[in-house]
Amino acid sequence: MSYKAKIDSMRGELRVMNKAIPETMQGFAQLSRAAKENGPLGVKEKEYVAIGIAISQRCEPCISFHVEALMKAGGTREELSDVMAMSIQMGGGPAVMYAAHALACWDELANLG
């Protein structure tokens, strides 16, 4: 399955979950907005942090969503690579595998545009 298809599929699952537990998901959305819209870091820098955490936590859907968001925020492949290097340094072998997912997702989504 392509990363674009995985992103679309996950969005569909999240829409179902939004209907099942709307209050919880509204609270999560509010938390997300508050974290992204406040503080001294810009959206791009916050997406770097999110990708680093997604790699270290081995959350492939998170990686895909945050790679997509980083692209929209003006990040570059080279910047993503630097974040991947730090994630690998902190996370060891498992981070290597998930960093590869982040790079493959970037490359696929960059070729769709």
C-alpha atoms as a PDB file:
ATOM      1  CA  MET A   1       0.000   0.000   0.000  1.00  0.00           C
ATOM      2  CA  SER A   2       1.354   3.444  -0.871  1.00  0.00           C
ATOM      3  CA  TYR A   3       1.929   6.069   1.819  1.00  0.00           C
ATOM      4  CA  LYS A   4      -0.772   8.242   0.251  1.00  0.00           C
ATOM      5  CA  ALA A   5      -3.214   5.315   0.469  1.00  0.00           C
ATOM      6  CA  LYS A   6      -2.146   4.670   4.085  1.00  0.00           C
ATOM      7  CA  ILE A   7      -2.757   8.337   4.955  1.00  0.00           C
ATOM      8  CA  ASP A   8      -6.186   8.258   3.295  1.00  0.00           C
ATOM      9  CA  SER A   9      -7.092   4.983   5.003  1.00  0.00           C
ATOM     10  CA  MET A  10      -6.033   6.281   8.422  1.00  0.00           C
ATOM     11  CA  ARG A  11      -8.052   9.463   7.899  1.00  0.00           C
ATOM     12  CA  GLY A  12     -11.084   7.270   7.202  1.00  0.00           C
ATOM     13  CA  GLU A  13     -10.503   5.323  10.413  1.00  0.00           C
ATOM     14  CA  LEU A  14     -10.150   8.578  12.347  1.00  0.00           C
ATOM     15  CA  ARG A  15     -13.453   9.883  10.946  1.00  0.00           C
ATOM     16  CA  VAL A  16     -15.159   6.740  12.280  1.00  0.00           C
ATOM     17  CA  MET A  17     -13.486   7.207  15.649  1.00  0.00           C
ATOM     18  CA  ASN A  18     -14.522  10.887  15.709  1.00  0.00           C
ATOM     19  CA  LYS A  19     -18.135   9.714  15.513  1.00  0.00           C
ATOM     20  CA  ALA A  20     -17.653   7.030  18.171  1.00  0.00           C
ATOM     21  CA  ILE A  21     -15.960   9.247  20.766  1.00  0.00           C
ATOM     22  CA  PRO A  22     -16.565  12.847  19.662  1.00  0.00           C
ATOM     23  CA  GLU A  23     -15.774  14.527  22.978  1.00  0.00           C
ATOM     24  CA  THR A  24     -12.436  12.771  23.305  1.00  0.00           C
ATOM     25  CA  MET A  25     -11.448  13.529  19.726  1.00  0.00           C
ATOM     26  CA  GLN A  26     -12.542  17.180  20.052  1.00  0.00           C
ATOM     27  CA  GLY A  27     -10.365  17.424  23.147  1.00  0.00           C
ATOM     28  CA  PHE A  28      -7.429  15.897  21.282  1.00  0.00           C
ATOM     29  CA  ALA A  29      -7.959  18.316  18.376  1.00  0.00           C
ATOM     30  CA  GLN A  30      -8.004  21.236  20.811  1.00  0.00           C
ATOM     31  CA  LEU A  31      -4.782  19.980  22.431  1.00  0.00           C
ATOM     32  CA  SER A  32      -3.161  19.657  19.001  1.00  0.00           C
ATOM     33  CA  ARG A  33      -4.162  23.194  17.993  1.00  0.00           C
ATOM     34  CA  ALA A  34      -2.905  24.630  21.266  1.00  0.00           C
ATOM     35  CA  ALA A  35       0.446  22.877  20.918  1.00  0.00           C
ATOM     36  CA  LYS A  36       0.916  23.961  17.292  1.00  0.00           C
ATOM     37  CA  GLU A  37      -0.350  27.532  17.531  1.00  0.00           C
ATOM     38  CA  ASN A  38       1.451  28.672  20.686  1.00  0.00           C
ATOM     39  CA  GLY A  39       5.049  29.074  21.799  1.00  0.00           C
ATOM     40  CA  PRO A  40       8.270  30.334  20.276  1.00  0.00           C
ATOM     41  CA  LEU A  41       8.719  27.495  17.761  1.00  0.00           C
ATOM     42  CA  GLY A  42       7.114  27.652  14.351  1.00  0.00           C
ATOM     43  CA  VAL A  43       4.968  24.935  12.825  1.00  0.00           C
ATOM     44  CA  LYS A  44       7.873  23.537  10.816  1.00  0.00           C
ATOM     45  CA  GLU A  45      10.073  23.148  13.886  1.00  0.00           C
ATOM     46  CA  LYS A  46       7.226  21.536  15.801  1.00  0.00           C
ATOM     47  CA  GLU A  47       6.741  19.059  12.957  1.00  0.00           C
ATOM     48  CA  TYR A  48      10.434  18.125  13.237  1.00  0.00           C
ATOM     49  CA  VAL A  49       9.845  17.315  16.902  1.00  0.00           C
ATOM     50  CA  ALA A  50       6.705  15.327  16.032  1.00  0.00           C
ATOM     51  CA  ILE A  51       8.536  13.285  13.386  1.00  0.00           C
ATOM     52  CA  GLY A  52      11.406  12.565  15.767  1.00  0.00           C
ATOM     53  CA  ILE A  53       8.955  11.329  18.377  1.00  0.00           C
ATOM     54  CA  ALA A  54       6.935   9.353  15.805  1.00  0.00           C
ATOM     55  CA  ILE A  55      10.115   7.579  14.665  1.00  0.00           C
ATOM     56  CA  SER A  56      11.224   6.813  18.211  1.00  0.00           C
ATOM     57  CA  GLN A  57       7.713   5.623  19.165  1.00  0.00           C
ATOM     58  CA  ARG A  58       7.491   3.510  15.978  1.00  0.00           C
ATOM     59  CA  CYS A  59       4.181   5.017  14.897  1.00  0.00           C
ATOM     60  CA  GLU A  60       4.049   4.651  11.124  1.00  0.00           C
ATOM     61  CA  PRO A  61       0.718   6.506  10.693  1.00  0.00           C
ATOM     62  CA  CYS A  62       2.131   9.356  12.807  1.00  0.00           C
ATOM     63  CA  ILE A  63       5.233   9.444  10.617  1.00  0.00           C
ATOM     64  CA  SER A  64       3.132   9.702   7.469  1.00  0.00           C
ATOM     65  CA  PHE A  65       0.866  12.442   8.844  1.00  0.00           C
ATOM     66  CA  HIS A  66       3.773  14.506  10.146  1.00  0.00           C
ATOM     67  CA  VAL A  67       5.878  14.090   6.996  1.00  0.00           C
ATOM     68  CA  GLU A  68       2.890  15.397   5.036  1.00  0.00           C
ATOM     69  CA  ALA A  69       2.487  18.291   7.506  1.00  0.00           C
ATOM     70  CA  LEU A  70       6.219  19.062   7.360  1.00  0.00           C
ATOM     71  CA  MET A  71       6.059  19.276   3.574  1.00  0.00           C
ATOM     72  CA  LYS A  72       3.124  21.696   3.815  1.00  0.00           C
ATOM     73  CA  ALA A  73       5.070  23.751   6.390  1.00  0.00           C
ATOM     74  CA  GLY A  74       7.976  24.193   3.966  1.00  0.00           C
ATOM     75  CA  GLY A  75      10.385  21.587   5.289  1.00  0.00           C
ATOM     76  CA  THR A  76      12.982  20.019   3.028  1.00  0.00           C
ATOM     77  CA  ARG A  77      14.136  16.469   2.488  1.00  0.00           C
ATOM     78  CA  GLU A  78      17.564  17.461   3.809  1.00  0.00           C
ATOM     79  CA  GLU A  79      16.032  18.841   7.018  1.00  0.00           C
ATOM     80  CA  LEU A  80      13.980  15.668   7.429  1.00  0.00           C
ATOM     81  CA  SER A  81      17.202  13.679   7.000  1.00  0.00           C
ATOM     82  CA  ASP A  82      18.856  15.653   9.808  1.00  0.00           C
ATOM     83  CA  VAL A  83      15.901  14.932  12.108  1.00  0.00           C
ATOM     84  CA  MET A  84      16.118  11.261  11.121  1.00  0.00           C
ATOM     85  CA  ALA A  85      19.816  11.208  12.066  1.00  0.00           C
ATOM     86  CA  MET A  86      19.023  12.517  15.555  1.00  0.00           C
ATOM     87  CA  SER A  87      16.142  10.050  15.905  1.00  0.00           C
ATOM     88  CA  ILE A  88      18.456   7.198  14.964  1.00  0.00           C
ATOM     89  CA  GLN A  89      21.112   8.417  17.385  1.00  0.00           C
ATOM     90  CA  MET A  90      18.552   8.460  20.197  1.00  0.00           C
ATOM     91  CA  GLY A  91      16.598   5.342  19.177  1.00  0.00           C
ATOM     92  CA  GLY A  92      19.147   2.869  17.813  1.00  0.00           C
ATOM     93  CA  GLY A  93      18.236   0.066  15.404  1.00  0.00           C
ATOM     94  CA  PRO A  94      14.437   0.349  15.572  1.00  0.00           C
ATOM     95  CA  ALA A  95      14.703   4.062  14.787  1.00  0.00           C
ATOM     96  CA  VAL A  96      16.714   3.173  11.659  1.00  0.00           C
ATOM     97  CA  MET A  97      13.802   1.123  10.346  1.00  0.00           C
ATOM     98  CA  TYR A  98      11.187   3.803  11.053  1.00  0.00           C
ATOM     99  CA  ALA A  99      13.400   6.601   9.742  1.00  0.00           C
ATOM    100  CA  ALA A 100      13.454   4.671   6.466  1.00  0.00           C
ATOM    101  CA  HIS A 101       9.630   4.843   6.487  1.00  0.00           C
ATOM    102  CA  ALA A 102       9.791   8.623   6.944  1.00  0.00           C
ATOM    103  CA  LEU A 103      12.154   9.038   3.999  1.00  0.00           C
ATOM    104  CA  ALA A 104      10.162   6.701   1.751  1.00  0.00           C
ATOM    105  CA  CYS A 105       6.964   8.582   2.632  1.00  0.00           C
ATOM    106  CA  TRP A 106       8.629  11.916   1.791  1.00  0.00           C
ATOM    107  CA  ASP A 107       9.873  10.612  -1.553  1.00  0.00           C
ATOM    108  CA  GLU A 108       6.494   9.187  -2.494  1.00  0.00           C
ATOM    109  CA  LEU A 109       4.535  12.296  -1.512  1.00  0.00           C
ATOM    110  CA  ALA A 110       7.065  14.594  -3.240  1.00  0.00           C
ATOM    111  CA  ASN A 111       6.510  12.706  -6.478  1.00  0.00           C
ATOM    112  CA  LEU A 112       2.711  13.078  -6.248  1.00  0.00           C
ATOM    113  CA  GLY A 113       2.806  16.885  -6.302  1.00  0.00           C
END
